[in-house]
Each structure stands twice: as structure tokens, then as C-alpha cells.
Amino acid sequence: MSDTRAERLQVMLSPEELAALDDFRFKHRMPTRAAAVRELLKFGLQAVGIDGTAGVKSSDYGVFSRGPGSHTQNGSDTEP
């Protein structure tokens, strides 16, 4: 996964979720909450069988298949 972080994601957490995140962060001596969130996201992806280190596009998680002329026609980014 690229170290370039061009996207910002805002997440609202309950006080309990924030406490759990901070506990994880401090236990693992992580420098920031963002680093802890990225690490937990990677763990979560790996838990469901997705390589958390590979570049996965958001379009891979669509609910509906794309129609003709779409950049993900036939489930791939390449033309048939």
C-alpha cells in the first residue's frame, strides 16, 4: 500500500469506541490515532480474507455490477 495519503476520512466515534482506540494505540505504542486506525483497518481486512497491504479499490466493494462502458465492466478494470 502506498505511503502517500491523499484522501481524508472523517469518522465519528462514541466515547467507548474512542477509549478502545486509545487503549489499542497506547498498548502498541503507536504515534497517532490515525496510525492506530490504519493498523486496525489492516487487521480487519486480513480477518475477512483481504490482503490489507495490497491496493484495493473502493469500486471492488460495490453492491451492484457496473453496466456497459463502466470502468469496472465484467468485474475488472480492463476491457474484454
C-alpha atoms as a PDB file:
ATOM      1  CA  MET A   1       0.000   0.000   0.000  1.00  0.00           C
ATOM      2  CA  SER A   2       1.298   3.419  -0.868  1.00  0.00           C
ATOM      3  CA  ASP A   3       2.644   5.667   1.865  1.00  0.00           C
ATOM      4  CA  THR A   4       1.111   8.638   0.048  1.00  0.00           C
ATOM      5  CA  ARG A   5      -2.105   9.542   1.801  1.00  0.00           C
ATOM      6  CA  ALA A   6      -4.160  11.777  -0.456  1.00  0.00           C
ATOM      7  CA  GLU A   7      -7.598  11.012   0.990  1.00  0.00           C
ATOM      8  CA  ARG A   8      -9.039  12.191   4.275  1.00  0.00           C
ATOM      9  CA  LEU A   9     -11.660  10.163   6.112  1.00  0.00           C
ATOM     10  CA  GLN A  10     -13.662  11.581   8.972  1.00  0.00           C
ATOM     11  CA  VAL A  11     -15.143   9.100  11.444  1.00  0.00           C
ATOM     12  CA  MET A  12     -17.401   9.852  14.389  1.00  0.00           C
ATOM     13  CA  LEU A  13     -16.796   7.617  17.435  1.00  0.00           C
ATOM     14  CA  SER A  14     -18.645   7.091  20.678  1.00  0.00           C
ATOM     15  CA  PRO A  15     -16.696   7.745  23.886  1.00  0.00           C
ATOM     16  CA  GLU A  16     -16.340   3.969  24.356  1.00  0.00           C
ATOM     17  CA  GLU A  17     -15.002   3.461  20.827  1.00  0.00           C
ATOM     18  CA  LEU A  18     -12.527   6.301  21.275  1.00  0.00           C
ATOM     19  CA  ALA A  19     -11.354   4.824  24.582  1.00  0.00           C
ATOM     20  CA  ALA A  20     -10.862   1.425  22.918  1.00  0.00           C
ATOM     21  CA  LEU A  21      -8.911   3.054  20.077  1.00  0.00           C
ATOM     22  CA  ASP A  22      -6.705   4.968  22.501  1.00  0.00           C
ATOM     23  CA  ASP A  23      -6.131   1.832  24.613  1.00  0.00           C
ATOM     24  CA  PHE A  24      -5.006  -0.039  21.475  1.00  0.00           C
ATOM     25  CA  ARG A  25      -2.826   2.880  20.431  1.00  0.00           C
ATOM     26  CA  PHE A  26      -1.024   3.205  23.746  1.00  0.00           C
ATOM     27  CA  LYS A  27      -0.665  -0.556  24.247  1.00  0.00           C
ATOM     28  CA  HIS A  28       1.028  -0.831  20.842  1.00  0.00           C
ATOM     29  CA  ARG A  29       2.987   2.420  21.274  1.00  0.00           C
ATOM     30  CA  MET A  30       1.592   3.979  18.116  1.00  0.00           C
ATOM     31  CA  PRO A  31       2.366   7.651  17.448  1.00  0.00           C
ATOM     32  CA  THR A  32      -1.132   8.819  16.425  1.00  0.00           C
ATOM     33  CA  ARG A  33      -4.779   7.823  16.439  1.00  0.00           C
ATOM     34  CA  ALA A  34      -4.635   7.764  12.629  1.00  0.00           C
ATOM     35  CA  ALA A  35      -1.826   5.178  12.724  1.00  0.00           C
ATOM     36  CA  ALA A  36      -3.887   3.059  15.133  1.00  0.00           C
ATOM     37  CA  VAL A  37      -6.950   3.285  12.883  1.00  0.00           C
ATOM     38  CA  ARG A  38      -4.889   2.249   9.831  1.00  0.00           C
ATOM     39  CA  GLU A  39      -3.458  -0.722  11.747  1.00  0.00           C
ATOM     40  CA  LEU A  40      -6.898  -1.822  12.975  1.00  0.00           C
ATOM     41  CA  LEU A  41      -8.280  -1.439   9.453  1.00  0.00           C
ATOM     42  CA  LYS A  42      -5.481  -3.643   8.125  1.00  0.00           C
ATOM     43  CA  PHE A  43      -6.230  -6.270  10.812  1.00  0.00           C
ATOM     44  CA  GLY A  44      -9.933  -6.162   9.965  1.00  0.00           C
ATOM     45  CA  LEU A  45      -9.313  -6.594   6.252  1.00  0.00           C
ATOM     46  CA  GLN A  46      -6.984  -9.523   6.893  1.00  0.00           C
ATOM     47  CA  ALA A  47      -9.589 -11.112   9.203  1.00  0.00           C
ATOM     48  CA  VAL A  48     -12.087 -11.275   6.337  1.00  0.00           C
ATOM     49  CA  GLY A  49      -9.517 -12.610   3.882  1.00  0.00           C
ATOM     50  CA  ILE A  50      -8.451  -9.411   2.143  1.00  0.00           C
ATOM     51  CA  ASP A  51      -4.761  -8.591   1.951  1.00  0.00           C
ATOM     52  CA  GLY A  52      -4.598  -5.386   3.978  1.00  0.00           C
ATOM     53  CA  THR A  53      -1.290  -4.486   2.396  1.00  0.00           C
ATOM     54  CA  ALA A  54      -2.480  -4.737  -1.207  1.00  0.00           C
ATOM     55  CA  GLY A  55      -4.041  -1.806  -3.017  1.00  0.00           C
ATOM     56  CA  VAL A  56      -7.777  -2.488  -3.049  1.00  0.00           C
ATOM     57  CA  LYS A  57     -10.041  -0.066  -4.870  1.00  0.00           C
ATOM     58  CA  SER A  58     -13.333   1.073  -3.381  1.00  0.00           C
ATOM     59  CA  SER A  59     -15.068   0.027  -6.610  1.00  0.00           C
ATOM     60  CA  ASP A  60     -14.233  -3.584  -5.683  1.00  0.00           C
ATOM     61  CA  TYR A  61     -16.814  -3.316  -2.898  1.00  0.00           C
ATOM     62  CA  GLY A  62     -19.791  -2.253  -4.989  1.00  0.00           C
ATOM     63  CA  VAL A  63     -23.190  -3.763  -4.310  1.00  0.00           C
ATOM     64  CA  PHE A  64     -24.291  -3.708  -7.952  1.00  0.00           C
ATOM     65  CA  SER A  65     -22.281  -4.741 -11.003  1.00  0.00           C
ATOM     66  CA  ARG A  66     -21.345  -1.934 -13.365  1.00  0.00           C
ATOM     67  CA  GLY A  67     -23.076  -1.522 -16.698  1.00  0.00           C
ATOM     68  CA  PRO A  68     -21.659  -1.267 -20.213  1.00  0.00           C
ATOM     69  CA  GLY A  69     -18.990   1.385 -20.611  1.00  0.00           C
ATOM     70  CA  SER A  70     -18.128   1.300 -16.927  1.00  0.00           C
ATOM     71  CA  HIS A  71     -14.524   1.286 -15.767  1.00  0.00           C
ATOM     72  CA  THR A  72     -15.265  -1.982 -13.930  1.00  0.00           C
ATOM     73  CA  GLN A  73     -17.260  -3.749 -16.621  1.00  0.00           C
ATOM     74  CA  ASN A  74     -17.180  -7.559 -16.167  1.00  0.00           C
ATOM     75  CA  GLY A  75     -15.644  -7.155 -12.719  1.00  0.00           C
ATOM     76  CA  SER A  76     -12.257  -5.938 -13.908  1.00  0.00           C
ATOM     77  CA  ASP A  77     -10.612  -2.674 -14.794  1.00  0.00           C
ATOM     78  CA  THR A  78      -9.617  -3.917 -18.241  1.00  0.00           C
ATOM     79  CA  GLU A  79     -11.681  -4.128 -21.369  1.00  0.00           C
ATOM     80  CA  PRO A  80     -12.669  -7.660 -22.507  1.00  0.00           C
END
